[in-house]
Each structure stands twice: as structure tokens, then as C-alpha cells.
Amino acid sequence: MGRRYRRLGHLTSVVGDVVDLAFGLPWWGALLVGLSAYFLFSVVLAGFVESRLLLLEGSAIQAVAEVRLSRIARACGWVGLACLFASLLIAVRNYFISDYAPREERGFIAFVAKLFGRGLD
């Protein structure tokens, strides 16, 4: 049987996608992917959400928007850290070991990166 297509509606699926992308690259490419994903999610996207929060200062919906947008900004920061951690693991692995990795190892690294990303956030 073929592998089922997983639903990509969640922000955490980005970590698995970055892991899959980084495993196909050499060590320096994996490191570059991780740094760019961290910059995109933790700095750009979270900063954009925080700027939207500042625009709502003094608004009638500020309390509701602050709760919602702060959760989104925190999730973006977590995804950026998890992507950076996963790509660092992959870069070290690809530098010292071969570039080929089985699917089970990819899933394990994504799982570990999500766990440590939660702890670092």
C-alpha cells in the first residue's frame, strides 16, 4: 500500500517538511535551510504578528486580539526554534555520517526537534 497523504493544515507540519528537505542536502545546505527557517518564522513572521498587535493598542478588541495573536507569535517562535534544532542535528549527522538516512530516522529527528523546541521556547 502507498503512503497516505497527510493533512498539512497545521503549523507543526513545517518542522517535518524542513527535516525532509534538509535530509536531501549536504551538511552546509541543511544548516542554511535551518537558519533561513528560523529567520523566517521566529523573526519575520513572529515580528509581523507582534507589530499587528501594537497597531490594535487602545482598540475595543485589543484584549481578544492580544490573546489570539500572542499565541500565534509564540507558535511561530516555537516552529522556528524546532526547525533550527532539527537542521543542526541533520547538519552534524550529515557531516560525520553519510548523507543517506532511512525514513524512521527522519521521523525520529522531527520528533526530537519538536520536543526540544518546546523546552527551549
N, C-alpha and C. Protein backbone atom coordinates (compact mmCIF):
# COMPACT_ATOMS: atom_id res chain seq x y z
N MET A 1 0.82 -1.19 0.00
CA MET A 1 0.00 0.00 0.00
C MET A 1 0.87 1.25 0.00
N GLY A 2 0.36 2.25 -0.62
CA GLY A 2 1.08 3.50 -0.66
C GLY A 2 0.88 4.30 0.61
N ARG A 3 1.74 5.25 0.81
CA ARG A 3 1.64 6.10 1.99
C ARG A 3 0.53 7.10 1.80
N ARG A 4 -0.26 7.28 2.83
CA ARG A 4 -1.36 8.24 2.74
C ARG A 4 -0.82 9.66 2.81
N TYR A 5 -1.53 10.53 2.14
CA TYR A 5 -1.15 11.94 2.17
C TYR A 5 -1.60 12.53 3.49
N ARG A 6 -0.69 13.14 4.21
CA ARG A 6 -1.06 13.71 5.49
C ARG A 6 -1.59 15.11 5.32
N ARG A 7 -2.39 15.49 6.24
CA ARG A 7 -3.01 16.80 6.18
C ARG A 7 -2.00 17.87 6.57
N LEU A 8 -1.91 18.92 5.80
CA LEU A 8 -0.90 19.95 6.03
C LEU A 8 -1.50 21.24 6.57
N GLY A 9 -2.53 21.13 7.38
CA GLY A 9 -3.19 22.33 7.87
C GLY A 9 -2.61 22.90 9.14
N HIS A 10 -1.61 22.26 9.71
CA HIS A 10 -1.08 22.72 10.98
C HIS A 10 0.31 23.31 10.80
N LEU A 11 0.65 24.21 11.70
CA LEU A 11 1.95 24.87 11.64
C LEU A 11 3.07 23.92 12.00
N THR A 12 2.78 22.89 12.81
CA THR A 12 3.84 21.96 13.21
C THR A 12 4.28 21.05 12.06
N SER A 13 3.49 20.96 11.00
CA SER A 13 3.91 20.13 9.86
C SER A 13 5.10 20.76 9.13
N VAL A 14 5.37 22.03 9.40
CA VAL A 14 6.52 22.70 8.80
C VAL A 14 7.82 22.06 9.27
N VAL A 15 7.86 21.63 10.53
CA VAL A 15 9.07 21.02 11.07
C VAL A 15 9.40 19.73 10.31
N GLY A 16 8.40 18.90 10.08
CA GLY A 16 8.62 17.68 9.31
C GLY A 16 9.04 17.95 7.89
N ASP A 17 8.49 19.00 7.30
CA ASP A 17 8.88 19.37 5.94
C ASP A 17 10.32 19.87 5.87
N VAL A 18 10.73 20.63 6.87
CA VAL A 18 12.12 21.11 6.92
C VAL A 18 13.07 19.94 7.11
N VAL A 19 12.67 18.95 7.94
CA VAL A 19 13.50 17.76 8.13
C VAL A 19 13.65 17.00 6.82
N ASP A 20 12.56 16.81 6.10
CA ASP A 20 12.63 16.11 4.81
C ASP A 20 13.49 16.87 3.81
N LEU A 21 13.37 18.19 3.81
CA LEU A 21 14.18 18.99 2.88
C LEU A 21 15.65 18.96 3.26
N ALA A 22 15.94 19.06 4.55
CA ALA A 22 17.34 19.12 4.99
C ALA A 22 18.05 17.79 4.79
N PHE A 23 17.33 16.67 4.86
CA PHE A 23 17.99 15.39 4.66
C PHE A 23 18.45 15.19 3.22
N GLY A 24 17.87 15.89 2.30
CA GLY A 24 18.29 15.75 0.90
C GLY A 24 19.45 16.64 0.53
N LEU A 25 19.97 17.42 1.46
CA LEU A 25 21.05 18.36 1.18
C LEU A 25 22.32 17.97 1.91
N PRO A 26 23.46 18.50 1.48
CA PRO A 26 24.69 18.28 2.25
C PRO A 26 24.62 19.03 3.59
N TRP A 27 25.63 18.88 4.41
CA TRP A 27 25.57 19.45 5.76
C TRP A 27 25.42 20.96 5.75
N TRP A 28 26.10 21.63 4.84
CA TRP A 28 26.01 23.09 4.82
C TRP A 28 24.65 23.54 4.29
N GLY A 29 24.04 22.75 3.40
CA GLY A 29 22.71 23.08 2.91
C GLY A 29 21.66 22.91 4.00
N ALA A 30 21.82 21.84 4.80
CA ALA A 30 20.88 21.62 5.91
C ALA A 30 20.98 22.75 6.93
N LEU A 31 22.19 23.19 7.19
CA LEU A 31 22.38 24.30 8.13
C LEU A 31 21.78 25.59 7.59
N LEU A 32 21.95 25.83 6.31
CA LEU A 32 21.38 27.02 5.67
C LEU A 32 19.86 26.99 5.68
N VAL A 33 19.26 25.82 5.44
CA VAL A 33 17.80 25.68 5.48
C VAL A 33 17.29 25.96 6.89
N GLY A 34 17.98 25.44 7.89
CA GLY A 34 17.56 25.67 9.28
C GLY A 34 17.65 27.13 9.69
N LEU A 35 18.74 27.78 9.30
CA LEU A 35 18.88 29.19 9.64
C LEU A 35 17.84 30.06 8.93
N SER A 36 17.55 29.73 7.68
CA SER A 36 16.55 30.51 6.96
C SER A 36 15.15 30.25 7.51
N ALA A 37 14.85 29.01 7.91
CA ALA A 37 13.54 28.72 8.50
C ALA A 37 13.40 29.42 9.85
N TYR A 38 14.48 29.43 10.64
CA TYR A 38 14.44 30.14 11.92
C TYR A 38 14.21 31.63 11.70
N PHE A 39 14.94 32.22 10.76
CA PHE A 39 14.79 33.64 10.48
C PHE A 39 13.38 33.95 9.98
N LEU A 40 12.85 33.11 9.10
CA LEU A 40 11.53 33.34 8.54
C LEU A 40 10.43 33.26 9.60
N PHE A 41 10.46 32.21 10.41
CA PHE A 41 9.37 32.01 11.36
C PHE A 41 9.55 32.79 12.65
N SER A 42 10.73 32.72 13.26
CA SER A 42 10.92 33.36 14.56
C SER A 42 11.09 34.87 14.48
N VAL A 43 11.71 35.33 13.43
CA VAL A 43 11.99 36.76 13.35
C VAL A 43 10.94 37.48 12.50
N VAL A 44 10.75 37.04 11.27
CA VAL A 44 9.88 37.77 10.35
C VAL A 44 8.40 37.58 10.70
N LEU A 45 7.95 36.33 10.75
CA LEU A 45 6.53 36.08 10.97
C LEU A 45 6.09 36.47 12.38
N ALA A 46 6.88 36.10 13.40
CA ALA A 46 6.52 36.49 14.77
C ALA A 46 6.61 38.00 14.95
N GLY A 47 7.57 38.64 14.32
CA GLY A 47 7.66 40.10 14.38
C GLY A 47 6.49 40.79 13.70
N PHE A 48 6.04 40.22 12.59
CA PHE A 48 4.88 40.77 11.91
C PHE A 48 3.63 40.67 12.78
N VAL A 49 3.46 39.54 13.44
CA VAL A 49 2.29 39.36 14.31
C VAL A 49 2.37 40.32 15.49
N GLU A 50 3.56 40.50 16.05
CA GLU A 50 3.72 41.45 17.16
C GLU A 50 3.45 42.88 16.71
N SER A 51 3.81 43.23 15.49
CA SER A 51 3.53 44.59 15.00
C SER A 51 2.03 44.79 14.80
N ARG A 52 1.33 43.76 14.37
CA ARG A 52 -0.13 43.85 14.25
C ARG A 52 -0.76 44.05 15.62
N LEU A 53 -0.17 43.44 16.63
CA LEU A 53 -0.67 43.59 18.00
C LEU A 53 -0.50 45.02 18.48
N LEU A 54 0.60 45.65 18.13
CA LEU A 54 0.82 47.03 18.54
C LEU A 54 -0.12 48.00 17.84
N LEU A 55 -0.55 47.65 16.63
CA LEU A 55 -1.49 48.51 15.91
C LEU A 55 -2.87 48.52 16.55
N LEU A 56 -3.20 47.46 17.28
CA LEU A 56 -4.51 47.37 17.92
C LEU A 56 -4.54 48.00 19.31
N GLU A 57 -3.48 48.66 19.70
CA GLU A 57 -3.40 49.30 21.01
C GLU A 57 -4.52 50.34 21.17
N GLY A 58 -5.28 50.20 22.23
CA GLY A 58 -6.38 51.12 22.50
C GLY A 58 -7.66 50.76 21.77
N SER A 59 -7.69 49.70 21.03
CA SER A 59 -8.87 49.28 20.29
C SER A 59 -9.84 48.54 21.21
N ALA A 60 -11.09 48.43 20.75
CA ALA A 60 -12.10 47.73 21.54
C ALA A 60 -11.86 46.22 21.58
N ILE A 61 -11.20 45.69 20.58
CA ILE A 61 -10.95 44.25 20.52
C ILE A 61 -9.52 43.90 20.91
N GLN A 62 -8.87 44.81 21.61
CA GLN A 62 -7.46 44.60 21.94
C GLN A 62 -7.25 43.37 22.82
N ALA A 63 -8.09 43.17 23.82
CA ALA A 63 -7.89 42.05 24.75
C ALA A 63 -8.03 40.70 24.03
N VAL A 64 -9.03 40.58 23.18
CA VAL A 64 -9.23 39.33 22.45
C VAL A 64 -8.11 39.11 21.44
N ALA A 65 -7.78 40.15 20.72
CA ALA A 65 -6.73 40.04 19.71
C ALA A 65 -5.37 39.77 20.34
N GLU A 66 -5.13 40.33 21.52
CA GLU A 66 -3.85 40.11 22.18
C GLU A 66 -3.67 38.65 22.56
N VAL A 67 -4.73 38.02 23.04
CA VAL A 67 -4.64 36.61 23.40
C VAL A 67 -4.40 35.76 22.15
N ARG A 68 -5.16 36.00 21.12
CA ARG A 68 -5.04 35.20 19.89
C ARG A 68 -3.69 35.42 19.21
N LEU A 69 -3.31 36.66 19.03
CA LEU A 69 -2.08 36.96 18.30
C LEU A 69 -0.83 36.58 19.09
N SER A 70 -0.89 36.67 20.41
CA SER A 70 0.28 36.27 21.19
C SER A 70 0.48 34.75 21.11
N ARG A 71 -0.60 33.99 21.02
CA ARG A 71 -0.47 32.54 20.83
C ARG A 71 0.14 32.22 19.47
N ILE A 72 -0.28 32.95 18.46
CA ILE A 72 0.27 32.73 17.12
C ILE A 72 1.76 33.10 17.08
N ALA A 73 2.12 34.21 17.72
CA ALA A 73 3.53 34.62 17.75
C ALA A 73 4.37 33.60 18.50
N ARG A 74 3.85 33.07 19.59
CA ARG A 74 4.59 32.06 20.36
C ARG A 74 4.75 30.77 19.54
N ALA A 75 3.71 30.38 18.83
CA ALA A 75 3.79 29.18 17.98
C ALA A 75 4.80 29.37 16.86
N CYS A 76 4.85 30.55 16.28
CA CYS A 76 5.82 30.83 15.22
C CYS A 76 7.25 30.77 15.76
N GLY A 77 7.45 31.29 16.95
CA GLY A 77 8.77 31.21 17.56
C GLY A 77 9.18 29.78 17.85
N TRP A 78 8.21 28.97 18.31
CA TRP A 78 8.50 27.56 18.59
C TRP A 78 8.85 26.81 17.31
N VAL A 79 8.12 27.06 16.25
CA VAL A 79 8.40 26.38 14.98
C VAL A 79 9.78 26.77 14.45
N GLY A 80 10.14 28.03 14.59
CA GLY A 80 11.47 28.46 14.15
C GLY A 80 12.58 27.79 14.94
N LEU A 81 12.42 27.70 16.26
CA LEU A 81 13.44 27.02 17.07
C LEU A 81 13.52 25.53 16.76
N ALA A 82 12.37 24.89 16.57
CA ALA A 82 12.36 23.46 16.26
C ALA A 82 13.01 23.19 14.90
N CYS A 83 12.75 24.05 13.93
CA CYS A 83 13.39 23.88 12.61
C CYS A 83 14.90 24.08 12.70
N LEU A 84 15.33 25.06 13.47
CA LEU A 84 16.76 25.29 13.64
C LEU A 84 17.42 24.11 14.33
N PHE A 85 16.81 23.59 15.39
CA PHE A 85 17.38 22.47 16.11
C PHE A 85 17.44 21.22 15.24
N ALA A 86 16.38 20.96 14.50
CA ALA A 86 16.35 19.78 13.62
C ALA A 86 17.42 19.88 12.55
N SER A 87 17.56 21.04 11.95
CA SER A 87 18.56 21.18 10.89
C SER A 87 19.97 21.12 11.44
N LEU A 88 20.19 21.58 12.68
CA LEU A 88 21.51 21.43 13.30
C LEU A 88 21.83 19.95 13.52
N LEU A 89 20.85 19.19 14.00
CA LEU A 89 21.07 17.75 14.16
C LEU A 89 21.39 17.08 12.82
N ILE A 90 20.67 17.46 11.80
CA ILE A 90 20.88 16.86 10.48
C ILE A 90 22.22 17.28 9.90
N ALA A 91 22.61 18.54 10.11
CA ALA A 91 23.90 19.00 9.59
C ALA A 91 25.05 18.27 10.26
N VAL A 92 24.97 18.07 11.57
CA VAL A 92 26.02 17.33 12.28
C VAL A 92 26.04 15.88 11.81
N ARG A 93 24.86 15.29 11.64
CA ARG A 93 24.76 13.91 11.19
C ARG A 93 25.32 13.76 9.78
N ASN A 94 24.96 14.67 8.88
CA ASN A 94 25.44 14.59 7.50
C ASN A 94 26.94 14.88 7.39
N TYR A 95 27.48 15.65 8.33
CA TYR A 95 28.91 15.94 8.29
C TYR A 95 29.73 14.71 8.70
N PHE A 96 29.28 14.02 9.75
CA PHE A 96 30.06 12.89 10.27
C PHE A 96 29.65 11.54 9.69
N ILE A 97 28.42 11.41 9.25
CA ILE A 97 27.92 10.14 8.71
C ILE A 97 27.49 10.42 7.27
N SER A 98 27.06 9.40 6.57
CA SER A 98 26.68 9.57 5.17
C SER A 98 25.43 10.43 5.02
N ASP A 99 25.17 10.85 3.80
CA ASP A 99 24.01 11.71 3.53
C ASP A 99 22.70 10.96 3.46
N TYR A 100 22.75 9.63 3.32
CA TYR A 100 21.52 8.86 3.21
C TYR A 100 20.96 8.55 4.60
N ALA A 101 19.66 8.74 4.78
CA ALA A 101 19.01 8.43 6.05
C ALA A 101 17.68 7.74 5.78
N PRO A 102 17.38 6.66 6.51
CA PRO A 102 16.09 5.99 6.33
C PRO A 102 14.94 6.83 6.88
N ARG A 103 13.74 6.50 6.48
CA ARG A 103 12.56 7.25 6.87
C ARG A 103 12.35 7.27 8.38
N GLU A 104 12.68 6.15 9.07
CA GLU A 104 12.50 6.09 10.52
C GLU A 104 13.37 7.12 11.23
N GLU A 105 14.57 7.32 10.71
CA GLU A 105 15.46 8.30 11.33
C GLU A 105 14.94 9.72 11.11
N ARG A 106 14.36 9.96 9.99
CA ARG A 106 13.79 11.29 9.73
C ARG A 106 12.66 11.60 10.69
N GLY A 107 11.79 10.62 10.91
CA GLY A 107 10.68 10.82 11.84
C GLY A 107 11.16 11.02 13.27
N PHE A 108 12.21 10.29 13.64
CA PHE A 108 12.76 10.42 14.99
C PHE A 108 13.37 11.80 15.20
N ILE A 109 14.09 12.30 14.23
CA ILE A 109 14.71 13.63 14.37
C ILE A 109 13.64 14.71 14.43
N ALA A 110 12.57 14.59 13.64
CA ALA A 110 11.48 15.56 13.71
C ALA A 110 10.82 15.52 15.09
N PHE A 111 10.63 14.34 15.64
CA PHE A 111 10.03 14.20 16.97
C PHE A 111 10.91 14.83 18.04
N VAL A 112 12.20 14.55 18.00
CA VAL A 112 13.13 15.11 18.99
C VAL A 112 13.21 16.62 18.86
N ALA A 113 13.21 17.12 17.66
CA ALA A 113 13.28 18.57 17.45
C ALA A 113 12.03 19.27 18.00
N LYS A 114 10.88 18.65 17.83
CA LYS A 114 9.65 19.23 18.37
C LYS A 114 9.69 19.24 19.90
N LEU A 115 10.21 18.17 20.50
CA LEU A 115 10.30 18.12 21.95
C LEU A 115 11.27 19.18 22.50
N PHE A 116 12.46 19.25 21.93
CA PHE A 116 13.43 20.24 22.40
C PHE A 116 13.02 21.67 22.04
N GLY A 117 12.29 21.82 20.94
CA GLY A 117 11.79 23.15 20.60
C GLY A 117 10.81 23.66 21.63
N ARG A 118 9.99 22.77 22.17
CA ARG A 118 9.06 23.15 23.25
C ARG A 118 9.83 23.54 24.51
N GLY A 119 10.88 22.78 24.81
CA GLY A 119 11.67 23.07 26.01
C GLY A 119 12.46 24.36 25.90
N LEU A 120 12.94 24.68 24.72
CA LEU A 120 13.71 25.91 24.52
C LEU A 120 12.83 27.14 24.44
N ASP A 121 11.60 26.97 24.05
CA ASP A 121 10.68 28.09 23.93
C ASP A 121 10.23 28.49 25.28
